[in-house]
Amino acid sequence: MRVFGIDCGTEVTGFGVVEWAGSKREPCLVCKALGGIQLPKAKSLPIRLELVYRELRERLAQWQPDVVAVEEVFYSVNAKSALKLGQVRGVALLAAACEGLPVAEYAPLRIKQSVVGYGLAKKEQVQFMVQRLLKLEELPQPADAADALAIAICHIHTAQTLELQGASR
């Protein structure tokens, strides 16, 4: 299984590709790609959204994932920021849909719980655990890419659990 994780952001949208290799008894997580799509502040919002869309479509076509995993919308004190984030997220969902890919959505607490073991973990803790789980030589950068990898790992963990539950019935 190959999962394309997306961490939507208004300044940087992170992405990461994680593959589940190995056997059911000894799964192996492999990082295939990671990066961040830098959104130029000087450009208008429609131009930035088009950039995210184009870049994600290119990466999805390049990596041919089985599924796209995205963080669910969280509620923010600042309505304007939440609206902009929602627009970026909508573009990410559109890019996945245009590639004909299923989308899985996870709450931030669930992602952190799945990767770190603690739902209120800090960004640094997520980066550290992603590095460990994927056996990376360095902390994944930018932090948004680490979050995207964490989202992909969360989906793989969830899929493994569901498969094991189905096998035990």
Protein backbone atom coordinates (compact mmCIF):
# COMPACT_ATOMS: atom_id res chain seq x y z
CA MET A 1 0.00 0.00 0.00
CA ARG A 2 1.28 3.44 -0.94
CA VAL A 3 -0.20 6.46 0.88
CA PHE A 4 0.19 10.10 -0.12
CA GLY A 5 -0.18 12.30 2.97
CA ILE A 6 -1.02 15.99 2.69
CA ASP A 7 -0.64 18.58 5.45
CA CYS A 8 -2.54 21.61 4.19
CA GLY A 9 -1.12 25.00 5.10
CA THR A 10 -1.52 28.58 4.00
CA GLU A 11 2.25 29.19 3.86
CA VAL A 12 3.58 25.68 3.17
CA THR A 13 1.58 22.62 2.18
CA GLY A 14 3.52 19.52 3.13
CA PHE A 15 3.37 16.19 1.36
CA GLY A 16 4.83 12.79 2.03
CA VAL A 17 4.64 9.36 0.44
CA VAL A 18 4.85 6.29 2.67
CA GLU A 19 4.73 2.71 1.54
CA TRP A 20 3.76 -0.25 3.67
CA ALA A 21 6.09 -3.09 2.69
CA GLY A 22 6.91 -6.37 4.34
CA SER A 23 4.50 -8.92 5.76
CA LYS A 24 1.45 -8.61 7.98
CA ARG A 25 3.48 -9.87 10.93
CA GLU A 26 6.49 -7.65 10.25
CA PRO A 27 5.36 -4.50 8.47
CA CYS A 28 7.95 -2.10 7.21
CA LEU A 29 7.23 1.58 6.61
CA VAL A 30 9.25 3.15 3.81
CA CYS A 31 9.44 6.87 3.02
CA LYS A 32 9.35 7.31 -0.75
CA ALA A 33 9.16 11.12 -0.91
CA LEU A 34 8.59 14.24 1.16
CA GLY A 35 8.55 17.96 0.61
CA GLY A 36 6.74 21.22 0.94
CA ILE A 37 4.94 23.42 -1.53
CA GLN A 38 5.92 26.97 -0.66
CA LEU A 39 3.08 29.44 -1.21
CA PRO A 40 4.41 32.89 -2.14
CA LYS A 41 2.85 35.51 0.14
CA ALA A 42 3.17 38.20 -2.53
CA LYS A 43 0.80 36.32 -4.86
CA SER A 44 -2.99 36.49 -4.69
CA LEU A 45 -4.92 33.66 -3.05
CA PRO A 46 -6.26 32.27 -6.37
CA ILE A 47 -2.69 32.07 -7.73
CA ARG A 48 -1.47 30.31 -4.56
CA LEU A 49 -4.37 27.84 -4.72
CA GLU A 50 -3.61 27.09 -8.37
CA LEU A 51 0.02 26.43 -7.41
CA VAL A 52 -1.01 23.94 -4.72
CA TYR A 53 -3.39 22.22 -7.13
CA ARG A 54 -0.84 21.95 -9.93
CA GLU A 55 1.98 20.76 -7.66
CA LEU A 56 -0.19 18.15 -5.94
CA ARG A 57 -1.50 16.81 -9.26
CA GLU A 58 2.09 16.44 -10.50
CA ARG A 59 3.22 14.65 -7.35
CA LEU A 60 0.16 12.37 -7.31
CA ALA A 61 0.78 11.42 -10.94
CA GLN A 62 4.47 10.85 -10.17
CA TRP A 63 3.98 8.63 -7.09
CA GLN A 64 0.78 6.78 -8.06
CA PRO A 65 -0.51 6.26 -4.51
CA ASP A 66 -3.35 3.91 -3.60
CA VAL A 67 -4.94 6.48 -1.32
CA VAL A 68 -4.55 10.09 -0.18
CA ALA A 69 -4.68 10.90 3.53
CA VAL A 70 -5.51 14.42 4.73
CA GLU A 71 -5.91 16.05 8.11
CA GLU A 72 -9.50 16.94 8.99
CA VAL A 73 -10.40 20.58 9.45
CA PHE A 74 -9.78 21.81 12.96
CA TYR A 75 -11.50 24.81 14.44
CA SER A 76 -9.47 27.97 14.86
CA VAL A 77 -10.03 31.10 16.89
CA ASN A 78 -9.23 33.15 13.79
CA ALA A 79 -12.07 32.64 11.29
CA LYS A 80 -10.12 34.24 8.43
CA SER A 81 -7.22 31.80 8.88
CA ALA A 82 -9.59 28.84 9.12
CA LEU A 83 -11.30 29.90 5.90
CA LYS A 84 -7.99 30.18 4.01
CA LEU A 85 -6.87 26.80 5.34
CA GLY A 86 -10.20 25.32 4.27
CA GLN A 87 -9.65 26.63 0.75
CA VAL A 88 -6.22 25.00 0.54
CA ARG A 89 -7.71 21.79 1.89
CA GLY A 90 -10.48 21.94 -0.72
CA VAL A 91 -7.88 22.24 -3.47
CA ALA A 92 -6.02 19.20 -2.06
CA LEU A 93 -9.24 17.18 -2.03
CA LEU A 94 -9.97 18.29 -5.59
CA ALA A 95 -6.49 17.24 -6.78
CA ALA A 96 -7.00 13.77 -5.28
CA ALA A 97 -10.48 13.48 -6.80
CA CYS A 98 -9.19 14.54 -10.23
CA GLU A 99 -6.64 11.71 -10.03
CA GLY A 100 -9.45 9.28 -9.14
CA LEU A 101 -7.98 8.54 -5.71
CA PRO A 102 -9.86 7.73 -2.53
CA VAL A 103 -9.34 10.15 0.36
CA ALA A 104 -9.09 9.29 4.05
CA GLU A 105 -9.40 12.05 6.64
CA TYR A 106 -8.04 11.99 10.19
CA ALA A 107 -8.38 14.30 13.16
CA PRO A 108 -5.14 15.92 14.40
CA LEU A 109 -5.45 14.17 17.78
CA ARG A 110 -5.81 10.78 16.12
CA ILE A 111 -2.76 11.37 13.91
CA LYS A 112 -0.59 12.30 16.87
CA GLN A 113 -1.96 9.40 18.93
CA SER A 114 -1.16 6.97 16.11
CA VAL A 115 2.38 8.23 15.53
CA VAL A 116 3.56 9.51 18.91
CA GLY A 117 1.19 7.74 21.31
CA TYR A 118 -0.01 11.06 22.73
CA GLY A 119 -2.75 13.14 21.08
CA LEU A 120 -1.40 16.48 22.30
CA ALA A 121 2.18 15.92 21.12
CA LYS A 122 4.20 18.90 19.90
CA LYS A 123 5.51 19.30 16.33
CA GLU A 124 9.03 18.36 17.43
CA GLN A 125 7.77 15.10 18.95
CA VAL A 126 5.93 14.25 15.74
CA GLN A 127 9.07 14.96 13.67
CA PHE A 128 11.17 12.77 15.98
CA MET A 129 8.77 9.82 15.85
CA VAL A 130 8.32 10.08 12.08
CA GLN A 131 12.11 9.97 11.75
CA ARG A 132 12.24 6.86 13.96
CA LEU A 133 9.32 5.03 12.35
CA LEU A 134 10.64 5.63 8.84
CA LYS A 135 14.30 5.10 9.84
CA LEU A 136 15.32 8.42 8.32
CA GLU A 137 18.86 9.71 8.85
CA GLU A 138 17.65 13.24 9.68
CA LEU A 139 14.51 14.89 11.00
CA PRO A 140 12.08 15.31 8.11
CA GLN A 141 12.03 18.91 6.88
CA PRO A 142 10.08 21.06 6.55
CA ALA A 143 7.91 20.33 9.60
CA ASP A 144 4.88 20.36 7.29
CA ALA A 145 6.38 17.42 5.38
CA ALA A 146 6.85 15.56 8.68
CA ASP A 147 3.17 16.19 9.45
CA ALA A 148 2.21 14.87 5.99
CA LEU A 149 4.26 11.73 6.63
CA ALA A 150 2.57 11.37 10.02
CA ILE A 151 -0.85 11.55 8.32
CA ALA A 152 0.22 8.81 5.88
CA ILE A 153 1.56 6.66 8.75
CA CYS A 154 -1.70 7.13 10.64
CA HIS A 155 -3.62 5.81 7.62
CA ILE A 156 -1.34 2.79 7.33
CA HIS A 157 -1.71 2.02 11.05
CA THR A 158 -5.47 2.33 10.73
CA ALA A 159 -5.55 0.07 7.66
CA GLN A 160 -3.37 -2.52 9.44
CA THR A 161 -5.68 -2.53 12.45
CA LEU A 162 -8.79 -2.90 10.30
CA GLU A 163 -7.18 -5.71 8.31
CA LEU A 164 -6.17 -7.57 11.47
CA GLN A 165 -9.66 -7.15 12.91
CA GLY A 166 -11.17 -8.52 9.72
CA ALA A 167 -8.79 -11.47 9.74
CA SER A 168 -9.68 -12.37 13.32
CA ARG A 169 -13.42 -12.56 12.70
